[in-house]
Amino acid sequence: MSAILQRYFAAFNAKDVSGMLDCLTPDVAHHVNEGGVRYGKDAFEAFCKHMNRCYDETLTDLVLFEAAGQGRAAAEFTVNGTYKATDDGLPIATGQTYVLPAGSFFDITDGKISRVTTRYNLSDWIAQVSGGNGG
């Protein structure tokens, strides 16, 4: 199970949306922090394209956790980012940087990721980018 997650996170850090999509089931459920659930690879791809337009992020300090035999896993990591373009309803982007702890939770079905749930502290992120100099 960790192999698919390692591929997924390597693709994320390479900004390889196609590589991320290859790790997902066609009906993937994507639970977005502070948002709803998006279903399917098309919705996931649209989300990634939007995120890549507004943010430049690299994940470090990755630790993977697995529930052996249960098809569930989690990851803890640090998001190192630059806010490139203003996202709707959020502060104005001026190239601010940020460093943010975050985590993701996964269901794995037949060797592919069938659920992605990502969580981070939005208030912390807003405080960092509102100060103009980030973390």
N, C-alpha and C. Protein backbone atom coordinates (compact mmCIF):
# COMPACT_ATOMS: atom_id res chain seq x y z
N MET A 1 0.83 -1.20 0.00
CA MET A 1 0.00 0.00 0.00
C MET A 1 0.87 1.25 0.00
N SER A 2 2.00 1.22 0.70
CA SER A 2 2.82 2.43 0.75
C SER A 2 3.40 2.78 -0.62
N ALA A 3 3.56 1.81 -1.50
CA ALA A 3 4.11 2.09 -2.84
C ALA A 3 3.22 3.06 -3.60
N ILE A 4 1.92 2.88 -3.55
CA ILE A 4 1.01 3.76 -4.28
C ILE A 4 1.03 5.16 -3.67
N LEU A 5 1.16 5.25 -2.36
CA LEU A 5 1.22 6.56 -1.70
C LEU A 5 2.55 7.25 -2.01
N GLN A 6 3.63 6.51 -2.04
CA GLN A 6 4.92 7.09 -2.40
C GLN A 6 4.88 7.64 -3.83
N ARG A 7 4.26 6.88 -4.74
CA ARG A 7 4.10 7.36 -6.12
C ARG A 7 3.26 8.63 -6.17
N TYR A 8 2.16 8.64 -5.43
CA TYR A 8 1.25 9.78 -5.39
C TYR A 8 1.97 11.04 -4.91
N PHE A 9 2.71 10.93 -3.80
CA PHE A 9 3.39 12.10 -3.25
C PHE A 9 4.58 12.52 -4.11
N ALA A 10 5.26 11.56 -4.72
CA ALA A 10 6.35 11.92 -5.65
C ALA A 10 5.78 12.70 -6.83
N ALA A 11 4.63 12.26 -7.34
CA ALA A 11 3.99 12.97 -8.45
C ALA A 11 3.55 14.37 -8.00
N PHE A 12 3.02 14.48 -6.79
CA PHE A 12 2.63 15.79 -6.27
C PHE A 12 3.83 16.74 -6.28
N ASN A 13 4.94 16.29 -5.71
CA ASN A 13 6.11 17.15 -5.61
C ASN A 13 6.72 17.47 -6.98
N ALA A 14 6.48 16.59 -7.96
CA ALA A 14 6.97 16.84 -9.32
C ALA A 14 5.99 17.69 -10.13
N LYS A 15 4.87 18.04 -9.51
CA LYS A 15 3.79 18.78 -10.19
C LYS A 15 3.29 18.01 -11.41
N ASP A 16 3.24 16.70 -11.25
CA ASP A 16 2.84 15.76 -12.30
C ASP A 16 1.41 15.30 -12.03
N VAL A 17 0.44 16.10 -12.50
CA VAL A 17 -0.96 15.79 -12.26
C VAL A 17 -1.33 14.44 -12.88
N SER A 18 -0.84 14.15 -14.07
CA SER A 18 -1.12 12.86 -14.70
C SER A 18 -0.63 11.70 -13.84
N GLY A 19 0.55 11.87 -13.25
CA GLY A 19 1.09 10.84 -12.36
C GLY A 19 0.22 10.64 -11.14
N MET A 20 -0.32 11.73 -10.61
CA MET A 20 -1.24 11.62 -9.47
C MET A 20 -2.51 10.89 -9.89
N LEU A 21 -3.05 11.27 -11.05
CA LEU A 21 -4.27 10.64 -11.55
C LEU A 21 -4.09 9.14 -11.76
N ASP A 22 -2.91 8.72 -12.17
CA ASP A 22 -2.63 7.30 -12.37
C ASP A 22 -2.72 6.50 -11.07
N CYS A 23 -2.62 7.18 -9.95
CA CYS A 23 -2.67 6.52 -8.64
C CYS A 23 -4.10 6.36 -8.12
N LEU A 24 -5.07 6.94 -8.80
CA LEU A 24 -6.45 7.01 -8.30
C LEU A 24 -7.38 6.04 -9.01
N THR A 25 -8.42 5.62 -8.29
CA THR A 25 -9.50 4.88 -8.93
C THR A 25 -10.35 5.86 -9.74
N PRO A 26 -11.07 5.40 -10.76
CA PRO A 26 -11.89 6.31 -11.57
C PRO A 26 -12.94 7.08 -10.75
N ASP A 27 -13.44 6.46 -9.68
CA ASP A 27 -14.50 7.09 -8.88
C ASP A 27 -13.98 7.69 -7.57
N VAL A 28 -12.71 8.07 -7.54
CA VAL A 28 -12.09 8.59 -6.32
C VAL A 28 -12.97 9.65 -5.67
N ALA A 29 -13.03 9.61 -4.34
CA ALA A 29 -13.73 10.63 -3.55
C ALA A 29 -12.65 11.53 -2.95
N HIS A 30 -12.69 12.81 -3.31
CA HIS A 30 -11.69 13.77 -2.85
C HIS A 30 -12.35 14.73 -1.88
N HIS A 31 -12.04 14.58 -0.60
CA HIS A 31 -12.57 15.44 0.46
C HIS A 31 -11.58 16.58 0.68
N VAL A 32 -11.98 17.77 0.30
CA VAL A 32 -11.11 18.93 0.33
C VAL A 32 -11.25 19.64 1.67
N ASN A 33 -10.12 20.11 2.21
CA ASN A 33 -10.15 20.91 3.43
C ASN A 33 -11.05 22.12 3.22
N GLU A 34 -11.95 22.37 4.16
CA GLU A 34 -12.86 23.52 4.08
C GLU A 34 -13.75 23.49 2.84
N GLY A 35 -14.00 22.32 2.30
CA GLY A 35 -14.81 22.25 1.09
C GLY A 35 -15.62 20.97 1.05
N GLY A 36 -16.27 20.76 -0.06
CA GLY A 36 -17.10 19.59 -0.23
C GLY A 36 -16.30 18.40 -0.74
N VAL A 37 -17.05 17.40 -1.16
CA VAL A 37 -16.44 16.20 -1.73
C VAL A 37 -16.57 16.26 -3.24
N ARG A 38 -15.47 15.99 -3.92
CA ARG A 38 -15.46 15.93 -5.38
C ARG A 38 -15.28 14.48 -5.76
N TYR A 39 -16.02 14.03 -6.75
CA TYR A 39 -15.96 12.62 -7.14
C TYR A 39 -15.41 12.48 -8.55
N GLY A 40 -14.52 11.51 -8.71
CA GLY A 40 -14.00 11.17 -10.02
C GLY A 40 -12.70 11.87 -10.36
N LYS A 41 -12.00 11.27 -11.32
CA LYS A 41 -10.70 11.80 -11.73
C LYS A 41 -10.80 13.17 -12.40
N ASP A 42 -11.88 13.43 -13.14
CA ASP A 42 -12.02 14.73 -13.81
C ASP A 42 -12.09 15.86 -12.78
N ALA A 43 -12.87 15.64 -11.72
CA ALA A 43 -12.98 16.66 -10.68
C ALA A 43 -11.66 16.83 -9.94
N PHE A 44 -10.96 15.73 -9.71
CA PHE A 44 -9.65 15.79 -9.05
C PHE A 44 -8.66 16.56 -9.91
N GLU A 45 -8.66 16.28 -11.20
CA GLU A 45 -7.75 16.97 -12.13
C GLU A 45 -8.04 18.47 -12.17
N ALA A 46 -9.31 18.85 -12.22
CA ALA A 46 -9.68 20.27 -12.23
C ALA A 46 -9.20 20.95 -10.95
N PHE A 47 -9.35 20.28 -9.82
CA PHE A 47 -8.89 20.82 -8.55
C PHE A 47 -7.38 21.03 -8.58
N CYS A 48 -6.64 20.04 -9.06
CA CYS A 48 -5.17 20.14 -9.12
C CYS A 48 -4.74 21.29 -10.02
N LYS A 49 -5.39 21.45 -11.15
CA LYS A 49 -5.03 22.54 -12.07
C LYS A 49 -5.27 23.90 -11.41
N HIS A 50 -6.39 24.03 -10.70
CA HIS A 50 -6.67 25.27 -9.98
C HIS A 50 -5.61 25.52 -8.91
N MET A 51 -5.29 24.49 -8.14
CA MET A 51 -4.29 24.64 -7.08
C MET A 51 -2.94 25.01 -7.66
N ASN A 52 -2.55 24.38 -8.76
CA ASN A 52 -1.25 24.68 -9.36
C ASN A 52 -1.19 26.10 -9.93
N ARG A 53 -2.35 26.65 -10.31
CA ARG A 53 -2.39 28.04 -10.78
C ARG A 53 -2.17 29.00 -9.62
N CYS A 54 -2.75 28.70 -8.46
CA CYS A 54 -2.71 29.62 -7.32
C CYS A 54 -1.54 29.38 -6.37
N TYR A 55 -1.03 28.16 -6.31
CA TYR A 55 -0.05 27.80 -5.30
C TYR A 55 1.10 27.01 -5.92
N ASP A 56 2.28 27.20 -5.38
CA ASP A 56 3.42 26.35 -5.72
C ASP A 56 3.84 25.68 -4.42
N GLU A 57 3.57 24.38 -4.30
CA GLU A 57 3.79 23.70 -3.04
C GLU A 57 4.69 22.47 -3.21
N THR A 58 5.52 22.27 -2.22
CA THR A 58 6.33 21.06 -2.11
C THR A 58 6.09 20.50 -0.72
N LEU A 59 5.96 19.19 -0.64
CA LEU A 59 5.73 18.52 0.64
C LEU A 59 7.03 17.91 1.13
N THR A 60 7.34 18.15 2.41
CA THR A 60 8.53 17.58 3.03
C THR A 60 8.13 16.88 4.32
N ASP A 61 9.10 16.24 4.95
CA ASP A 61 8.89 15.56 6.24
C ASP A 61 7.76 14.54 6.17
N LEU A 62 7.63 13.87 5.03
CA LEU A 62 6.54 12.92 4.80
C LEU A 62 6.71 11.67 5.66
N VAL A 63 5.67 11.33 6.40
CA VAL A 63 5.60 10.10 7.17
C VAL A 63 4.30 9.40 6.77
N LEU A 64 4.40 8.13 6.38
CA LEU A 64 3.23 7.35 5.98
C LEU A 64 2.85 6.38 7.09
N PHE A 65 1.56 6.20 7.27
CA PHE A 65 1.02 5.28 8.25
C PHE A 65 0.05 4.35 7.53
N GLU A 66 0.04 3.07 7.88
CA GLU A 66 -0.88 2.13 7.24
C GLU A 66 -1.63 1.33 8.29
N ALA A 67 -2.88 1.04 8.01
CA ALA A 67 -3.67 0.12 8.82
C ALA A 67 -3.62 -1.22 8.09
N ALA A 68 -2.70 -2.06 8.49
CA ALA A 68 -2.44 -3.32 7.79
C ALA A 68 -3.72 -4.12 7.59
N GLY A 69 -3.95 -4.51 6.34
CA GLY A 69 -5.09 -5.35 6.01
C GLY A 69 -6.43 -4.65 5.98
N GLN A 70 -6.45 -3.34 6.19
CA GLN A 70 -7.73 -2.62 6.25
C GLN A 70 -7.94 -1.67 5.07
N GLY A 71 -6.94 -1.53 4.20
CA GLY A 71 -7.10 -0.65 3.04
C GLY A 71 -7.16 0.82 3.39
N ARG A 72 -6.57 1.17 4.51
CA ARG A 72 -6.58 2.58 4.93
C ARG A 72 -5.17 3.01 5.29
N ALA A 73 -4.88 4.27 5.02
CA ALA A 73 -3.56 4.81 5.30
C ALA A 73 -3.67 6.30 5.58
N ALA A 74 -2.59 6.86 6.09
CA ALA A 74 -2.54 8.29 6.38
C ALA A 74 -1.13 8.78 6.11
N ALA A 75 -1.01 10.08 5.96
CA ALA A 75 0.28 10.71 5.76
C ALA A 75 0.31 12.02 6.53
N GLU A 76 1.44 12.28 7.14
CA GLU A 76 1.68 13.56 7.79
C GLU A 76 2.85 14.21 7.06
N PHE A 77 2.77 15.52 6.86
CA PHE A 77 3.80 16.19 6.08
C PHE A 77 3.78 17.68 6.36
N THR A 78 4.80 18.37 5.86
CA THR A 78 4.89 19.82 5.94
C THR A 78 4.71 20.37 4.53
N VAL A 79 3.80 21.34 4.39
CA VAL A 79 3.57 22.02 3.12
C VAL A 79 4.45 23.26 3.10
N ASN A 80 5.32 23.34 2.10
CA ASN A 80 6.18 24.51 1.90
C ASN A 80 5.69 25.17 0.62
N GLY A 81 5.11 26.36 0.74
CA GLY A 81 4.45 26.91 -0.43
C GLY A 81 4.69 28.37 -0.70
N THR A 82 4.29 28.74 -1.92
CA THR A 82 4.25 30.12 -2.36
C THR A 82 2.85 30.38 -2.91
N TYR A 83 2.24 31.45 -2.47
CA TYR A 83 0.91 31.84 -2.90
C TYR A 83 1.07 32.71 -4.14
N LYS A 84 0.81 32.16 -5.31
CA LYS A 84 1.13 32.79 -6.60
C LYS A 84 0.02 33.66 -7.17
N ALA A 85 -1.23 33.21 -7.04
CA ALA A 85 -2.36 33.91 -7.65
C ALA A 85 -3.52 33.88 -6.67
N THR A 86 -4.22 34.99 -6.54
CA THR A 86 -5.30 35.10 -5.57
C THR A 86 -6.38 34.06 -5.82
N ASP A 87 -6.72 33.34 -4.77
CA ASP A 87 -7.78 32.33 -4.80
C ASP A 87 -9.06 32.97 -4.27
N ASP A 88 -10.19 32.60 -4.85
CA ASP A 88 -11.48 33.18 -4.48
C ASP A 88 -11.72 33.14 -2.97
N GLY A 89 -12.08 34.29 -2.40
CA GLY A 89 -12.45 34.38 -1.00
C GLY A 89 -11.27 34.38 -0.04
N LEU A 90 -10.05 34.41 -0.57
CA LEU A 90 -8.86 34.37 0.29
C LEU A 90 -8.07 35.66 0.11
N PRO A 91 -7.08 35.88 0.97
CA PRO A 91 -6.29 37.11 0.85
C PRO A 91 -5.65 37.25 -0.54
N ILE A 92 -5.26 38.46 -0.87
CA ILE A 92 -4.62 38.75 -2.15
C ILE A 92 -3.23 38.12 -2.17
N ALA A 93 -2.92 37.44 -3.27
CA ALA A 93 -1.62 36.80 -3.44
C ALA A 93 -0.59 37.80 -3.94
N THR A 94 0.55 37.81 -3.28
CA THR A 94 1.67 38.66 -3.71
C THR A 94 2.98 37.88 -3.67
N GLY A 95 2.88 36.56 -3.79
CA GLY A 95 4.07 35.74 -3.72
C GLY A 95 4.49 35.36 -2.31
N GLN A 96 3.56 35.48 -1.35
CA GLN A 96 3.87 35.14 0.03
C GLN A 96 4.26 33.66 0.14
N THR A 97 5.17 33.38 1.08
CA THR A 97 5.53 32.00 1.36
C THR A 97 4.87 31.55 2.66
N TYR A 98 4.74 30.24 2.81
CA TYR A 98 4.14 29.68 4.01
C TYR A 98 4.71 28.28 4.25
N VAL A 99 4.66 27.89 5.52
CA VAL A 99 5.06 26.55 5.94
C VAL A 99 3.96 26.07 6.87
N LEU A 100 3.37 24.93 6.55
CA LEU A 100 2.14 24.51 7.21
C LEU A 100 2.13 23.01 7.45
N PRO A 101 1.91 22.56 8.68
CA PRO A 101 1.74 21.13 8.89
C PRO A 101 0.39 20.69 8.32
N ALA A 102 0.35 19.48 7.77
CA ALA A 102 -0.89 18.98 7.18
C ALA A 102 -0.90 17.46 7.23
N GLY A 103 -2.05 16.90 6.89
CA GLY A 103 -2.19 15.46 6.83
C GLY A 103 -3.22 15.05 5.81
N SER A 104 -3.08 13.85 5.32
CA SER A 104 -4.05 13.27 4.39
C SER A 104 -4.39 11.86 4.83
N PHE A 105 -5.61 11.47 4.52
CA PHE A 105 -6.12 10.14 4.86
C PHE A 105 -6.60 9.49 3.57
N PHE A 106 -6.39 8.19 3.47
CA PHE A 106 -6.64 7.49 2.22
C PHE A 106 -7.38 6.18 2.45
N ASP A 107 -8.23 5.84 1.48
CA ASP A 107 -8.72 4.48 1.30
C ASP A 107 -8.01 3.95 0.07
N ILE A 108 -7.59 2.70 0.13
CA ILE A 108 -6.91 2.05 -0.98
C ILE A 108 -7.78 0.87 -1.42
N THR A 109 -8.13 0.84 -2.70
CA THR A 109 -8.96 -0.22 -3.26
C THR A 109 -8.26 -0.81 -4.47
N ASP A 110 -8.02 -2.12 -4.44
CA ASP A 110 -7.36 -2.81 -5.55
C ASP A 110 -6.07 -2.11 -5.97
N GLY A 111 -5.28 -1.66 -4.99
CA GLY A 111 -3.98 -1.07 -5.26
C GLY A 111 -4.00 0.37 -5.71
N LYS A 112 -5.17 1.00 -5.72
CA LYS A 112 -5.29 2.42 -6.12
C LYS A 112 -5.96 3.22 -5.00
N ILE A 113 -5.75 4.51 -5.02
CA ILE A 113 -6.34 5.39 -4.01
C ILE A 113 -7.79 5.67 -4.40
N SER A 114 -8.72 5.34 -3.50
CA SER A 114 -10.15 5.55 -3.79
C SER A 114 -10.75 6.69 -2.96
N ARG A 115 -10.00 7.15 -1.96
CA ARG A 115 -10.43 8.33 -1.17
C ARG A 115 -9.20 9.09 -0.73
N VAL A 116 -9.26 10.41 -0.89
CA VAL A 116 -8.23 11.31 -0.38
C VAL A 116 -8.94 12.36 0.46
N THR A 117 -8.53 12.49 1.72
CA THR A 117 -9.05 13.53 2.61
C THR A 117 -7.85 14.30 3.13
N THR A 118 -7.80 15.60 2.87
CA THR A 118 -6.66 16.41 3.30
C THR A 118 -7.11 17.44 4.32
N ARG A 119 -6.29 17.61 5.37
CA ARG A 119 -6.62 18.55 6.43
C ARG A 119 -5.40 19.39 6.79
N TYR A 120 -5.65 20.69 7.01
CA TYR A 120 -4.63 21.61 7.50
C TYR A 120 -5.36 22.75 8.19
N ASN A 121 -4.63 23.59 8.89
CA ASN A 121 -5.21 24.69 9.64
C ASN A 121 -5.31 25.92 8.75
N LEU A 122 -6.49 26.18 8.21
CA LEU A 122 -6.69 27.31 7.31
C LEU A 122 -6.40 28.64 8.00
N SER A 123 -6.76 28.77 9.26
CA SER A 123 -6.50 30.02 9.99
C SER A 123 -5.00 30.30 10.07
N ASP A 124 -4.20 29.27 10.28
CA ASP A 124 -2.75 29.41 10.31
C ASP A 124 -2.24 29.88 8.94
N TRP A 125 -2.74 29.26 7.88
CA TRP A 125 -2.33 29.65 6.52
C TRP A 125 -2.68 31.11 6.26
N ILE A 126 -3.91 31.51 6.58
CA ILE A 126 -4.34 32.89 6.36
C ILE A 126 -3.46 33.86 7.14
N ALA A 127 -3.15 33.54 8.39
CA ALA A 127 -2.28 34.41 9.19
C ALA A 127 -0.90 34.55 8.53
N GLN A 128 -0.37 33.44 8.01
CA GLN A 128 0.95 33.51 7.37
C GLN A 128 0.93 34.36 6.10
N VAL A 129 -0.06 34.17 5.24
CA VAL A 129 -0.05 34.93 3.99
C VAL A 129 -0.53 36.36 4.18
N SER A 130 -1.29 36.62 5.22
CA SER A 130 -1.76 37.98 5.48
C SER A 130 -0.64 38.87 5.99
N GLY A 131 0.36 38.27 6.63
CA GLY A 131 1.49 39.03 7.12
C GLY A 131 2.45 39.43 6.02
N GLY A 132 2.30 38.81 4.84
CA GLY A 132 3.10 39.17 3.69
C GLY A 132 4.47 38.52 3.62
N ASN A 133 4.87 37.86 4.73
CA ASN A 133 6.19 37.24 4.67
C ASN A 133 6.16 35.74 4.95
N GLY A 134 4.99 35.20 5.25
CA GLY A 134 4.85 33.75 5.40
C GLY A 134 5.66 33.20 6.53
N GLY A 135 5.81 31.83 6.47
CA GLY A 135 6.48 31.12 7.55
C GLY A 135 7.86 30.99 7.25
